[in-house]
PDB file of N, CA and C in Angstrom:
ATOM      1  N   UNK A   1      99.768  83.531 138.962  1.00  0.00           N
ATOM      2  CA  UNK A   1     100.705  84.260 138.092  1.00  0.00           C
ATOM      3  C   UNK A   1     100.656  85.798 138.180  1.00  0.00           C
ATOM      4  N   UNK A   2     101.668  86.267 138.039  1.00  0.00           N
ATOM      5  CA  UNK A   2     101.794  87.919 138.109  1.00  0.00           C
ATOM      6  C   UNK A   2     102.393  88.478 136.807  1.00  0.00           C
ATOM      7  N   UNK A   3     101.972  87.924 135.720  1.00  0.00           N
ATOM      8  CA  UNK A   3     102.778  88.374 134.337  1.00  0.00           C
ATOM      9  C   UNK A   3     101.910  89.642 134.121  1.00  0.00           C
ATOM     10  N   UNK A   4     102.632  90.608 133.780  1.00  0.00           N
ATOM     11  CA  UNK A   4     101.850  91.992 133.496  1.00  0.00           C
ATOM     12  C   UNK A   4     102.052  92.450 132.110  1.00  0.00           C
ATOM     13  N   UNK A   5     103.188  92.007 131.546  1.00  0.00           N
ATOM     14  CA  UNK A   5     103.487  92.480 130.145  1.00  0.00           C
ATOM     15  C   UNK A   5     104.506  91.656 129.493  1.00  0.00           C
ATOM     16  N   UNK A   6     104.633  91.712 128.047  1.00  0.00           N
ATOM     17  CA  UNK A   6     105.595  91.070 127.246  1.00  0.00           C
ATOM     18  C   UNK A   6     106.919  91.999 127.380  1.00  0.00           C
ATOM     19  N   UNK A   7     108.160  91.293 127.845  1.00  0.00           N
ATOM     20  CA  UNK A   7     109.281  92.062 128.034  1.00  0.00           C
ATOM     21  C   UNK A   7     109.825  92.285 126.697  1.00  0.00           C
ATOM     22  N   UNK A   8     110.284  91.184 125.865  1.00  0.00           N
ATOM     23  CA  UNK A   8     110.834  91.504 124.506  1.00  0.00           C
ATOM     24  C   UNK A   8     110.534  90.232 123.707  1.00  0.00           C
ATOM     25  N   UNK A   9     110.670  90.301 122.375  1.00  0.00           N
ATOM     26  CA  UNK A   9     110.601  89.304 121.407  1.00  0.00           C
ATOM     27  C   UNK A   9     112.061  89.273 120.736  1.00  0.00           C
ATOM     28  N   UNK A  10     112.562  88.040 120.723  1.00  0.00           N
ATOM     29  CA  UNK A  10     113.855  87.935 119.966  1.00  0.00           C
ATOM     30  C   UNK A  10     113.502  87.702 118.596  1.00  0.00           C
ATOM     31  N   UNK A  11     114.293  88.471 117.657  1.00  0.00           N
ATOM     32  CA  UNK A  11     114.079  88.161 116.211  1.00  0.00           C
ATOM     33  C   UNK A  11     115.484  87.968 115.746  1.00  0.00           C
ATOM     34  N   UNK A  12     115.618  86.870 114.796  1.00  0.00           N
ATOM     35  CA  UNK A  12     117.003  86.410 114.313  1.00  0.00           C
ATOM     36  C   UNK A  12     117.307  87.425 113.272  1.00  0.00           C
ATOM     37  N   UNK A  13     118.609  87.795 113.422  1.00  0.00           N
ATOM     38  CA  UNK A  13     118.978  88.644 112.124  1.00  0.00           C
ATOM     39  C   UNK A  13     120.527  88.072 111.850  1.00  0.00           C
ATOM     40  N   UNK A  14     120.949  88.361 110.743  1.00  0.00           N
ATOM     41  CA  UNK A  14     122.309  88.043 110.272  1.00  0.00           C
ATOM     42  C   UNK A  14     123.268  88.954 110.999  1.00  0.00           C
ATOM     43  N   UNK A  15     123.153  90.134 111.074  1.00  0.00           N
ATOM     44  CA  UNK A  15     124.173  91.115 111.557  1.00  0.00           C
ATOM     45  C   UNK A  15     123.333  92.303 112.346  1.00  0.00           C
ATOM     46  N   UNK A  16     123.680  92.229 113.746  1.00  0.00           N
ATOM     47  CA  UNK A  16     122.879  93.085 114.617  1.00  0.00           C
ATOM     48  C   UNK A  16     122.870  94.662 114.392  1.00  0.00           C
ATOM     49  N   UNK A  17     124.209  94.917 113.805  1.00  0.00           N
ATOM     50  CA  UNK A  17     124.628  96.334 113.491  1.00  0.00           C
ATOM     51  C   UNK A  17     123.707  96.884 112.487  1.00  0.00           C
ATOM     52  N   UNK A  18     123.670  96.033 111.343  1.00  0.00           N
ATOM     53  CA  UNK A  18     122.754  96.467 110.147  1.00  0.00           C
ATOM     54  C   UNK A  18     121.331  96.608 110.641  1.00  0.00           C
ATOM     55  N   UNK A  19     120.950  95.468 111.313  1.00  0.00           N
ATOM     56  CA  UNK A  19     119.519  95.302 111.846  1.00  0.00           C
ATOM     57  C   UNK A  19     119.104  96.567 112.771  1.00  0.00           C
ATOM     58  N   UNK A  20     119.918  96.749 113.652  1.00  0.00           N
ATOM     59  CA  UNK A  20     119.752  98.130 114.414  1.00  0.00           C
ATOM     60  C   UNK A  20     119.570  99.212 113.622  1.00  0.00           C
ATOM     61  N   UNK A  21     120.584  99.502 112.731  1.00  0.00           N
ATOM     62  CA  UNK A  21     120.252 100.674 111.868  1.00  0.00           C
ATOM     63  C   UNK A  21     118.885 100.636 110.996  1.00  0.00           C
ATOM     64  N   UNK A  22     118.588  99.637 110.701  1.00  0.00           N
ATOM     65  CA  UNK A  22     117.201  99.427 110.058  1.00  0.00           C
ATOM     66  C   UNK A  22     115.965  99.837 111.022  1.00  0.00           C
ATOM     67  N   UNK A  23     116.034  99.153 112.125  1.00  0.00           N
ATOM     68  CA  UNK A  23     114.976  99.423 113.118  1.00  0.00           C
ATOM     69  C   UNK A  23     114.958 100.770 113.742  1.00  0.00           C
ATOM     70  N   UNK A  24     116.131 101.455 113.890  1.00  0.00           N
ATOM     71  CA  UNK A  24     116.280 102.723 114.513  1.00  0.00           C
ATOM     72  C   UNK A  24     116.275 103.764 113.445  1.00  0.00           C
ATOM     73  N   UNK A  25     116.988 103.740 112.307  1.00  0.00           N
ATOM     74  CA  UNK A  25     116.910 104.768 111.238  1.00  0.00           C
ATOM     75  C   UNK A  25     115.656 104.721 110.325  1.00  0.00           C
ATOM     76  N   UNK A  26     115.406 103.567 110.051  1.00  0.00           N
ATOM     77  CA  UNK A  26     114.270 103.494 109.055  1.00  0.00           C
ATOM     78  C   UNK A  26     112.866 103.505 109.766  1.00  0.00           C
ATOM     79  N   UNK A  27     112.724 102.546 110.820  1.00  0.00           N
ATOM     80  CA  UNK A  27     111.505 102.502 111.480  1.00  0.00           C
ATOM     81  C   UNK A  27     111.135 103.500 112.661  1.00  0.00           C
ATOM     82  N   UNK A  28     112.218 104.195 113.031  1.00  0.00           N
ATOM     83  CA  UNK A  28     112.099 105.144 114.040  1.00  0.00           C
ATOM     84  C   UNK A  28     112.278 104.578 115.440  1.00  0.00           C
ATOM     85  N   UNK A  29     112.494 103.330 115.614  1.00  0.00           N
ATOM     86  CA  UNK A  29     112.697 102.907 117.003  1.00  0.00           C
ATOM     87  C   UNK A  29     113.696 103.406 117.830  1.00  0.00           C
ATOM     88  N   UNK A  30     113.691 103.274 119.263  1.00  0.00           N
ATOM     89  CA  UNK A  30     114.651 103.805 119.965  1.00  0.00           C
ATOM     90  C   UNK A  30     115.582 102.678 120.516  1.00  0.00           C
ATOM     91  N   UNK A  31     116.957 103.025 120.581  1.00  0.00           N
ATOM     92  CA  UNK A  31     117.907 101.968 121.062  1.00  0.00           C
ATOM     93  C   UNK A  31     117.829 102.057 122.433  1.00  0.00           C
ATOM     94  N   UNK A  32     117.317 100.850 123.061  1.00  0.00           N
ATOM     95  CA  UNK A  32     117.070 100.588 124.533  1.00  0.00           C
ATOM     96  C   UNK A  32     118.310 100.093 125.235  1.00  0.00           C
ATOM     97  N   UNK A  33     118.968  99.019 124.529  1.00  0.00           N
ATOM     98  CA  UNK A  33     120.120  98.504 125.106  1.00  0.00           C
ATOM     99  C   UNK A  33     120.946  98.138 124.045  1.00  0.00           C
ATOM    100  N   UNK A  34     122.184  98.242 124.210  1.00  0.00           N
ATOM    101  CA  UNK A  34     123.361  97.797 123.256  1.00  0.00           C
ATOM    102  C   UNK A  34     124.555  97.474 124.088  1.00  0.00           C
ATOM    103  N   UNK A  35     124.653  96.430 124.672  1.00  0.00           N
ATOM    104  CA  UNK A  35     125.745  95.901 125.711  1.00  0.00           C
ATOM    105  C   UNK A  35     126.218  94.542 125.218  1.00  0.00           C
ATOM    106  N   UNK A  36     127.461  94.154 125.725  1.00  0.00           N
ATOM    107  CA  UNK A  36     128.030  92.811 125.432  1.00  0.00           C
ATOM    108  C   UNK A  36     127.316  92.015 126.446  1.00  0.00           C
ATOM    109  N   UNK A  37     126.945  90.749 126.155  1.00  0.00           N
ATOM    110  CA  UNK A  37     126.216  89.781 126.876  1.00  0.00           C
ATOM    111  C   UNK A  37     127.018  88.430 126.851  1.00  0.00           C
ATOM    112  N   UNK A  38     126.637  87.507 127.627  1.00  0.00           N
ATOM    113  CA  UNK A  38     127.251  86.289 127.768  1.00  0.00           C
ATOM    114  C   UNK A  38     127.393  85.487 126.413  1.00  0.00           C
ATOM    115  N   UNK A  39     126.510  85.728 125.449  1.00  0.00           N
ATOM    116  CA  UNK A  39     126.536  85.088 124.163  1.00  0.00           C
ATOM    117  C   UNK A  39     126.855  85.864 122.990  1.00  0.00           C
ATOM    118  N   UNK A  40     127.021  87.158 123.309  1.00  0.00           N
ATOM    119  CA  UNK A  40     127.288  88.067 122.138  1.00  0.00           C
ATOM    120  C   UNK A  40     126.664  89.335 122.455  1.00  0.00           C
ATOM    121  N   UNK A  41     126.712  90.345 121.624  1.00  0.00           N
ATOM    122  CA  UNK A  41     126.124  91.597 121.834  1.00  0.00           C
ATOM    123  C   UNK A  41     124.515  91.478 122.001  1.00  0.00           C
ATOM    124  N   UNK A  42     124.109  92.167 123.177  1.00  0.00           N
ATOM    125  CA  UNK A  42     122.516  92.050 123.376  1.00  0.00           C
ATOM    126  C   UNK A  42     122.185  93.495 122.906  1.00  0.00           C
ATOM    127  N   UNK A  43     121.125  93.529 121.781  1.00  0.00           N
ATOM    128  CA  UNK A  43     120.800  94.703 121.237  1.00  0.00           C
ATOM    129  C   UNK A  43     119.261  94.618 121.249  1.00  0.00           C
ATOM    130  N   UNK A  44     118.636  95.727 122.038  1.00  0.00           N
ATOM    131  CA  UNK A  44     117.122  95.742 121.987  1.00  0.00           C
ATOM    132  C   UNK A  44     116.721  97.158 121.443  1.00  0.00           C
ATOM    133  N   UNK A  45     115.770  97.181 120.657  1.00  0.00           N
ATOM    134  CA  UNK A  45     115.144  98.357 120.108  1.00  0.00           C
ATOM    135  C   UNK A  45     113.726  98.355 120.471  1.00  0.00           C
ATOM    136  N   UNK A  46     113.004  99.474 120.522  1.00  0.00           N
ATOM    137  CA  UNK A  46     111.439  99.520 120.912  1.00  0.00           C
ATOM    138  C   UNK A  46     111.087 100.823 120.093  1.00  0.00           C
ATOM    139  N   UNK A  47     109.686 100.660 119.781  1.00  0.00           N
ATOM    140  CA  UNK A  47     109.033 101.948 119.343  1.00  0.00           C
ATOM    141  C   UNK A  47     109.083 102.914 120.548  1.00  0.00           C
ATOM    142  N   UNK A  48     109.101 104.184 120.092  1.00  0.00           N
ATOM    143  CA  UNK A  48     109.209 105.198 121.117  1.00  0.00           C
ATOM    144  C   UNK A  48     108.096 105.097 122.279  1.00  0.00           C
ATOM    145  N   UNK A  49     108.476 104.997 123.582  1.00  0.00           N
ATOM    146  CA  UNK A  49     107.551 104.916 124.694  1.00  0.00           C
ATOM    147  C   UNK A  49     107.006 103.565 124.943  1.00  0.00           C
ATOM    148  N   UNK A  50     107.398 102.468 124.220  1.00  0.00           N
ATOM    149  CA  UNK A  50     106.730 101.018 124.195  1.00  0.00           C
ATOM    150  C   UNK A  50     107.346 100.513 125.450  1.00  0.00           C
ATOM    151  N   UNK A  51     106.730  99.585 126.135  1.00  0.00           N
ATOM    152  CA  UNK A  51     107.244  98.880 127.231  1.00  0.00           C
ATOM    153  C   UNK A  51     107.763  97.544 126.776  1.00  0.00           C
ATOM    154  N   UNK A  52     107.438  97.068 125.521  1.00  0.00           N
ATOM    155  CA  UNK A  52     108.026  95.807 124.947  1.00  0.00           C
ATOM    156  C   UNK A  52     109.008  96.218 123.869  1.00  0.00           C
ATOM    157  N   UNK A  53     110.329  95.357 123.925  1.00  0.00           N
ATOM    158  CA  UNK A  53     111.240  95.559 123.044  1.00  0.00           C
ATOM    159  C   UNK A  53     111.367  94.569 121.915  1.00  0.00           C
ATOM    160  N   UNK A  54     112.208  94.802 121.062  1.00  0.00           N
ATOM    161  CA  UNK A  54     112.640  93.613 119.995  1.00  0.00           C
ATOM    162  C   UNK A  54     114.089  93.383 120.333  1.00  0.00           C
ATOM    163  N   UNK A  55     114.493  92.222 120.629  1.00  0.00           N
ATOM    164  CA  UNK A  55     115.934  91.944 120.719  1.00  0.00           C
ATOM    165  C   UNK A  55     116.358  91.381 119.369  1.00  0.00           C
ATOM    166  N   UNK A  56     117.386  91.941 118.996  1.00  0.00           N
ATOM    167  CA  UNK A  56     118.297  91.430 117.581  1.00  0.00           C
ATOM    168  C   UNK A  56     119.149  90.588 117.733  1.00  0.00           C
ATOM    169  N   UNK A  57     118.813  89.417 117.390  1.00  0.00           N
ATOM    170  CA  UNK A  57     119.628  88.184 117.965  1.00  0.00           C
ATOM    171  C   UNK A  57     120.433  87.766 116.704  1.00  0.00           C
ATOM    172  N   UNK A  58     121.850  87.708 116.902  1.00  0.00           N
ATOM    173  CA  UNK A  58     122.713  87.164 115.663  1.00  0.00           C
ATOM    174  C   UNK A  58     123.796  86.123 116.379  1.00  0.00           C
ATOM    175  N   UNK A  59     123.404  85.534 117.425  1.00  0.00           N
ATOM    176  CA  UNK A  59     124.053  84.391 118.090  1.00  0.00           C
ATOM    177  C   UNK A  59     123.297  83.288 118.412  1.00  0.00           C
ATOM    178  N   UNK A  60     123.951  82.242 118.907  1.00  0.00           N
ATOM    179  CA  UNK A  60     123.233  80.949 119.276  1.00  0.00           C
ATOM    180  C   UNK A  60     123.544  80.982 120.752  1.00  0.00           C
ATOM    181  N   UNK A  61     122.463  80.330 121.416  1.00  0.00           N
ATOM    182  CA  UNK A  61     122.613  80.044 123.009  1.00  0.00           C
ATOM    183  C   UNK A  61     122.661  78.643 123.214  1.00  0.00           C
ATOM    184  N   UNK A  62     123.697  78.248 123.976  1.00  0.00           N
ATOM    185  CA  UNK A  62     123.805  76.826 124.249  1.00  0.00           C
ATOM    186  C   UNK A  62     123.690  76.017 122.980  1.00  0.00           C
ATOM    187  N   UNK A  63     124.317  76.525 121.911  1.00  0.00           N
ATOM    188  CA  UNK A  63     124.438  75.625 120.630  1.00  0.00           C
ATOM    189  C   UNK A  63     123.269  75.696 119.907  1.00  0.00           C
ATOM    190  N   UNK A  64     122.250  76.298 120.281  1.00  0.00           N
ATOM    191  CA  UNK A  64     120.824  76.346 119.465  1.00  0.00           C
ATOM    192  C   UNK A  64     120.695  77.752 118.922  1.00  0.00           C
ATOM    193  N   UNK A  65     120.573  77.687 117.524  1.00  0.00           N
ATOM    194  CA  UNK A  65     120.388  78.834 116.746  1.00  0.00           C
ATOM    195  C   UNK A  65     118.792  79.260 116.831  1.00  0.00           C
ATOM    196  N   UNK A  66     118.646  80.660 116.911  1.00  0.00           N
ATOM    197  CA  UNK A  66     117.324  81.105 116.850  1.00  0.00           C
ATOM    198  C   UNK A  66     116.582  80.785 115.475  1.00  0.00           C
ATOM    199  N   UNK A  67     115.410  80.214 115.554  1.00  0.00           N
ATOM    200  CA  UNK A  67     114.881  80.063 114.245  1.00  0.00           C
ATOM    201  C   UNK A  67     114.250  81.301 113.808  1.00  0.00           C
ATOM    202  N   UNK A  68     113.820  81.264 112.457  1.00  0.00           N
ATOM    203  CA  UNK A  68     113.052  82.410 111.772  1.00  0.00           C
ATOM    204  C   UNK A  68     112.290  81.916 110.741  1.00  0.00           C
ATOM    205  N   UNK A  69     111.744  82.931 110.109  1.00  0.00           N
ATOM    206  CA  UNK A  69     111.505  84.231 110.336  1.00  0.00           C
ATOM    207  C   UNK A  69     110.580  84.397 111.396  1.00  0.00           C
ATOM    208  N   UNK A  70     110.512  85.508 112.101  1.00  0.00           N
ATOM    209  CA  UNK A  70     109.435  85.989 113.105  1.00  0.00           C
ATOM    210  C   UNK A  70     108.587  87.087 112.562  1.00  0.00           C
ATOM    211  N   UNK A  71     107.420  86.955 112.556  1.00  0.00           N
ATOM    212  CA  UNK A  71     106.510  87.957 112.306  1.00  0.00           C
ATOM    213  C   UNK A  71     106.254  88.878 113.291  1.00  0.00           C
ATOM    214  N   UNK A  72     106.403  90.311 113.037  1.00  0.00           N
ATOM    215  CA  UNK A  72     106.085  91.266 113.981  1.00  0.00           C
ATOM    216  C   UNK A  72     104.929  92.144 113.467  1.00  0.00           C
ATOM    217  N   UNK A  73     103.957  92.556 114.224  1.00  0.00           N
ATOM    218  CA  UNK A  73     102.964  93.430 113.983  1.00  0.00           C
ATOM    219  C   UNK A  73     103.066  94.719 115.035  1.00  0.00           C
ATOM    220  N   UNK A  74     102.955  95.792 114.422  1.00  0.00           N
ATOM    221  CA  UNK A  74     103.137  97.159 115.086  1.00  0.00           C
ATOM    222  C   UNK A  74     101.726  97.936 114.924  1.00  0.00           C
ATOM    223  N   UNK A  75     101.299  98.618 115.766  1.00  0.00           N
ATOM    224  CA  UNK A  75     100.083  99.563 115.784  1.00  0.00           C
ATOM    225  C   UNK A  75     100.663 100.854 115.064  1.00  0.00           C
ATOM    226  N   UNK A  76      99.783 101.480 114.068  1.00  0.00           N
ATOM    227  CA  UNK A  76     100.149 102.816 113.834  1.00  0.00           C
ATOM    228  C   UNK A  76      98.861 103.634 113.627  1.00  0.00           C
ATOM    229  N   UNK A  77      99.001 104.884 113.793  1.00  0.00           N
ATOM    230  CA  UNK A  77      97.821 105.763 113.789  1.00  0.00           C
ATOM    231  C   UNK A  77      97.521 106.433 112.315  1.00  0.00           C
ATOM    232  N   UNK A  78      98.637 106.135 111.392  1.00  0.00           N
ATOM    233  CA  UNK A  78      98.506 106.766 110.258  1.00  0.00           C
ATOM    234  C   UNK A  78      99.296 105.893 109.072  1.00  0.00           C
ATOM    235  N   UNK A  79      98.564 104.932 108.752  1.00  0.00           N
ATOM    236  CA  UNK A  79      99.275 103.792 107.772  1.00  0.00           C
ATOM    237  C   UNK A  79      99.610 104.401 106.599  1.00  0.00           C
ATOM    238  N   UNK A  80      98.824 105.392 105.968  1.00  0.00           N
ATOM    239  CA  UNK A  80      99.267 105.902 104.721  1.00  0.00           C
ATOM    240  C   UNK A  80     100.553 106.825 104.659  1.00  0.00           C
ATOM    241  N   UNK A  81     100.799 107.391 105.782  1.00  0.00           N
ATOM    242  CA  UNK A  81     101.960 108.287 106.041  1.00  0.00           C
ATOM    243  C   UNK A  81     103.133 107.405 106.210  1.00  0.00           C
ATOM    244  N   UNK A  82     102.970 106.290 107.066  1.00  0.00           N
ATOM    245  CA  UNK A  82     104.195 105.370 107.363  1.00  0.00           C
ATOM    246  C   UNK A  82     104.550 104.701 105.976  1.00  0.00           C
ATOM    247  N   UNK A  83     103.574 104.199 105.275  1.00  0.00           N
ATOM    248  CA  UNK A  83     103.801 103.710 103.891  1.00  0.00           C
ATOM    249  C   UNK A  83     104.741 104.501 103.165  1.00  0.00           C
ATOM    250  N   UNK A  84     104.312 105.595 103.075  1.00  0.00           N
ATOM    251  CA  UNK A  84     105.071 106.726 102.287  1.00  0.00           C
ATOM    252  C   UNK A  84     106.510 106.865 102.785  1.00  0.00           C
ATOM    253  N   UNK A  85     106.681 106.907 104.181  1.00  0.00           N
ATOM    254  CA  UNK A  85     108.175 107.047 104.585  1.00  0.00           C
ATOM    255  C   UNK A  85     108.790 105.855 104.453  1.00  0.00           C
ATOM    256  N   UNK A  86     108.133 104.604 104.600  1.00  0.00           N
ATOM    257  CA  UNK A  86     108.911 103.334 104.295  1.00  0.00           C
ATOM    258  C   UNK A  86     109.433 103.196 102.881  1.00  0.00           C
ATOM    259  N   UNK A  87     108.613 103.820 102.014  1.00  0.00           N
ATOM    260  CA  UNK A  87     108.925 103.602 100.457  1.00  0.00           C
ATOM    261  C   UNK A  87     110.074 104.654 100.229  1.00  0.00           C
ATOM    262  N   UNK A  88     109.893 105.843 100.875  1.00  0.00           N
ATOM    263  CA  UNK A  88     110.975 106.846 100.640  1.00  0.00           C
ATOM    264  C   UNK A  88     112.301 106.551 101.209  1.00  0.00           C
ATOM    265  N   UNK A  89     112.308 105.604 102.151  1.00  0.00           N
ATOM    266  CA  UNK A  89     113.442 105.131 102.795  1.00  0.00           C
ATOM    267  C   UNK A  89     114.132 103.765 101.952  1.00  0.00           C
ATOM    268  N   UNK A  90     113.378 103.474 100.776  1.00  0.00           N
ATOM    269  CA  UNK A  90     113.605 102.270 100.140  1.00  0.00           C
ATOM    270  C   UNK A  90     113.224 100.946 100.455  1.00  0.00           C
ATOM    271  N   UNK A  91     112.094 100.914 101.280  1.00  0.00           N
ATOM    272  CA  UNK A  91     111.456  99.631 101.868  1.00  0.00           C
ATOM    273  C   UNK A  91     110.417  99.351 100.951  1.00  0.00           C
ATOM    274  N   UNK A  92     110.069  98.158 100.414  1.00  0.00           N
ATOM    275  CA  UNK A  92     109.144  97.788  99.727  1.00  0.00           C
ATOM    276  C   UNK A  92     107.906  97.413 100.522  1.00  0.00           C
ATOM    277  N   UNK A  93     107.239  98.309 100.858  1.00  0.00           N
ATOM    278  CA  UNK A  93     106.009  98.320 101.646  1.00  0.00           C
ATOM    279  C   UNK A  93     104.657  97.958 100.587  1.00  0.00           C
ATOM    280  N   UNK A  94     104.077  97.057 101.031  1.00  0.00           N
ATOM    281  CA  UNK A  94     102.883  96.647 100.350  1.00  0.00           C
ATOM    282  C   UNK A  94     101.585  97.585 100.137  1.00  0.00           C
ATOM    283  N   UNK A  95     100.788  97.631  99.310  1.00  0.00           N
ATOM    284  CA  UNK A  95      99.635  98.508  99.381  1.00  0.00           C
ATOM    285  C   UNK A  95      98.823  98.182 100.463  1.00  0.00           C
ATOM    286  N   UNK A  96      98.186  99.120 101.149  1.00  0.00           N
ATOM    287  CA  UNK A  96      97.260  98.993 102.287  1.00  0.00           C
ATOM    288  C   UNK A  96      96.160  98.001 101.760  1.00  0.00           C
ATOM    289  N   UNK A  97      95.877  96.973 102.833  1.00  0.00           N
ATOM    290  CA  UNK A  97      94.896  96.065 102.674  1.00  0.00           C
ATOM    291  C   UNK A  97      93.914  96.294 103.736  1.00  0.00           C
ATOM    292  N   UNK A  98      92.510  96.174 103.379  1.00  0.00           N
ATOM    293  CA  UNK A  98      91.485  96.400 104.228  1.00  0.00           C
ATOM    294  C   UNK A  98      91.024  95.137 104.923  1.00  0.00           C
ATOM    295  N   UNK A  99      91.117  94.936 106.140  1.00  0.00           N
ATOM    296  CA  UNK A  99      90.808  93.646 106.882  1.00  0.00           C
ATOM    297  C   UNK A  99      89.786  94.060 107.782  1.00  0.00           C
ATOM    298  N   UNK A 100      89.015  93.082 108.231  1.00  0.00           N
ATOM    299  CA  UNK A 100      87.925  93.277 109.208  1.00  0.00           C
ATOM    300  C   UNK A 100      88.380  94.202 110.605  1.00  0.00           C
ATOM    301  N   UNK A 101      89.525  94.151 110.896  1.00  0.00           N
ATOM    302  CA  UNK A 101      89.993  94.709 112.073  1.00  0.00           C
ATOM    303  C   UNK A 101      90.687  96.152 111.808  1.00  0.00           C
ATOM    304  N   UNK A 102      90.768  96.422 110.491  1.00  0.00           N
ATOM    305  CA  UNK A 102      91.417  97.749 110.219  1.00  0.00           C
ATOM    306  C   UNK A 102      92.099  97.709 108.924  1.00  0.00           C
ATOM    307  N   UNK A 103      93.116  98.494 108.729  1.00  0.00           N
ATOM    308  CA  UNK A 103      94.007  98.623 107.564  1.00  0.00           C
ATOM    309  C   UNK A 103      95.365  98.239 107.738  1.00  0.00           C
ATOM    310  N   UNK A 104      96.020  97.371 106.863  1.00  0.00           N
ATOM    311  CA  UNK A 104      97.348  96.969 107.232  1.00  0.00           C
ATOM    312  C   UNK A 104      98.269  96.967 105.914  1.00  0.00           C
ATOM    313  N   UNK A 105      99.496  97.014 106.129  1.00  0.00           N
ATOM    314  CA  UNK A 105     100.555  96.706 105.004  1.00  0.00           C
ATOM    315  C   UNK A 105     101.690  95.712 105.694  1.00  0.00           C
ATOM    316  N   UNK A 106     102.410  95.251 104.791  1.00  0.00           N
ATOM    317  CA  UNK A 106     103.466  94.439 105.286  1.00  0.00           C
ATOM    318  C   UNK A 106     104.671  94.646 104.411  1.00  0.00           C
ATOM    319  N   UNK A 107     105.940  94.306 105.007  1.00  0.00           N
ATOM    320  CA  UNK A 107     107.166  94.371 104.544  1.00  0.00           C
ATOM    321  C   UNK A 107     108.075  93.541 105.240  1.00  0.00           C
ATOM    322  N   UNK A 108     109.238  93.370 104.674  1.00  0.00           N
ATOM    323  CA  UNK A 108     110.226  92.662 105.464  1.00  0.00           C
ATOM    324  C   UNK A 108     111.415  93.527 106.075  1.00  0.00           C
ATOM    325  N   UNK A 109     112.031  92.973 107.065  1.00  0.00           N
ATOM    326  CA  UNK A 109     113.410  93.652 107.464  1.00  0.00           C
ATOM    327  C   UNK A 109     114.377  93.209 106.652  1.00  0.00           C
ATOM    328  N   UNK A 110     115.718  93.526 107.005  1.00  0.00           N
ATOM    329  CA  UNK A 110     116.842  93.216 106.036  1.00  0.00           C
ATOM    330  C   UNK A 110     117.117  91.735 106.286  1.00  0.00           C
ATOM    331  N   UNK A 111     116.550  90.822 107.044  1.00  0.00           N
ATOM    332  CA  UNK A 111     116.749  89.466 107.164  1.00  0.00           C
ATOM    333  C   UNK A 111     115.615  88.616 106.615  1.00  0.00           C
ATOM    334  N   UNK A 112     114.464  89.375 106.174  1.00  0.00           N
ATOM    335  CA  UNK A 112     113.330  88.693 105.703  1.00  0.00           C
ATOM    336  C   UNK A 112     112.378  88.293 106.743  1.00  0.00           C
ATOM    337  N   UNK A 113     112.413  88.850 107.872  1.00  0.00           N
ATOM    338  CA  UNK A 113     111.466  88.783 109.115  1.00  0.00           C
ATOM    339  C   UNK A 113     110.250  89.689 108.512  1.00  0.00           C
ATOM    340  N   UNK A 114     108.939  89.174 108.437  1.00  0.00           N
ATOM    341  CA  UNK A 114     107.792  89.911 108.019  1.00  0.00           C
ATOM    342  C   UNK A 114     107.396  90.913 109.103  1.00  0.00           C
ATOM    343  N   UNK A 115     107.178  92.085 108.724  1.00  0.00           N
ATOM    344  CA  UNK A 115     106.551  93.139 109.617  1.00  0.00           C
ATOM    345  C   UNK A 115     105.275  93.559 109.156  1.00  0.00           C
ATOM    346  N   UNK A 116     104.255  93.842 109.937  1.00  0.00           N
ATOM    347  CA  UNK A 116     103.005  94.371 109.466  1.00  0.00           C
ATOM    348  C   UNK A 116     102.724  95.604 110.386  1.00  0.00           C
ATOM    349  N   UNK A 117     102.368  96.534 109.575  1.00  0.00           N
ATOM    350  CA  UNK A 117     101.628  97.769 110.387  1.00  0.00           C
ATOM    351  C   UNK A 117     100.282  97.715 110.304  1.00  0.00           C
ATOM    352  N   UNK A 118      99.484  97.894 111.400  1.00  0.00           N
ATOM    353  CA  UNK A 118      98.208  97.777 111.447  1.00  0.00           C
ATOM    354  C   UNK A 118      97.612  99.154 112.004  1.00  0.00           C
ATOM    355  N   UNK A 119      96.599  99.783 111.293  1.00  0.00           N
ATOM    356  CA  UNK A 119      95.887 100.818 111.736  1.00  0.00           C
ATOM    357  C   UNK A 119      94.563 100.363 112.056  1.00  0.00           C
ATOM    358  N   UNK A 120      94.227 100.059 113.195  1.00  0.00           N
ATOM    359  CA  UNK A 120      93.035  99.385 113.611  1.00  0.00           C
ATOM    360  C   UNK A 120      91.761 100.070 113.479  1.00  0.00           C
ATOM    361  N   UNK A 121      90.674  99.437 113.056  1.00  0.00           N
ATOM    362  CA  UNK A 121      89.346 100.002 113.152  1.00  0.00           C
ATOM    363  C   UNK A 121      88.847  99.820 114.518  1.00  0.00           C
ATOM    364  N   UNK A 122      87.602 100.604 114.710  1.00  0.00           N
ATOM    365  CA  UNK A 122      87.106 100.488 116.047  1.00  0.00           C
ATOM    366  C   UNK A 122      86.908  99.216 116.569  1.00  0.00           C
ATOM    367  N   UNK A 123      86.688  98.092 115.808  1.00  0.00           N
ATOM    368  CA  UNK A 123      86.647  96.766 116.143  1.00  0.00           C
ATOM    369  C   UNK A 123      87.929  96.259 116.471  1.00  0.00           C
ATOM    370  N   UNK A 124      89.022  96.768 115.750  1.00  0.00           N
ATOM    371  CA  UNK A 124      90.157  96.283 116.194  1.00  0.00           C
ATOM    372  C   UNK A 124      91.100  96.763 117.286  1.00  0.00           C
ATOM    373  N   UNK A 125      90.464  97.862 117.876  1.00  0.00           N
ATOM    374  CA  UNK A 125      91.082  98.652 119.097  1.00  0.00           C
ATOM    375  C   UNK A 125      90.574  97.752 120.240  1.00  0.00           C
ATOM    376  N   UNK A 126      91.618  97.560 121.190  1.00  0.00           N
ATOM    377  CA  UNK A 126      91.419  96.868 122.490  1.00  0.00           C
ATOM    378  C   UNK A 126      91.963  97.840 123.610  1.00  0.00           C
ATOM    379  N   UNK A 127      91.317  97.774 124.718  1.00  0.00           N
ATOM    380  CA  UNK A 127      91.886  98.586 125.599  1.00  0.00           C
ATOM    381  C   UNK A 127      93.087  98.190 126.179  1.00  0.00           C
ATOM    382  N   UNK A 128      94.049  99.244 126.180  1.00  0.00           N
ATOM    383  CA  UNK A 128      95.340  98.806 126.720  1.00  0.00           C
ATOM    384  C   UNK A 128      95.502  98.706 128.166  1.00  0.00           C
TER     385      UNK A 128
END
């Protein structure tokens, strides 16, 4: 096997345009791809500089609907600042929680997919 990284995660959304605006305008992700595909619009966003993207799926493939919700967890270097920015944008981010591997908060995207932000402790850091 020569698998080197995760390419993308598909996240079910009701409207890829509104979801794209949330991930780009609120979370600060970059728009990686937005093109017509064989099943509908293919929209991928990613944190700046990330190798792995999030595909916002509002279509079915071969008659199968994408299930949900999908939980996403992202790394942050400043949890408190990110919580303040999320709240300023109208996102109901939870209070920081201490966990053995760091500090985290959770919130949902527009479609109810849970998102966690983790500021890892020394125990929670893994070599990249």
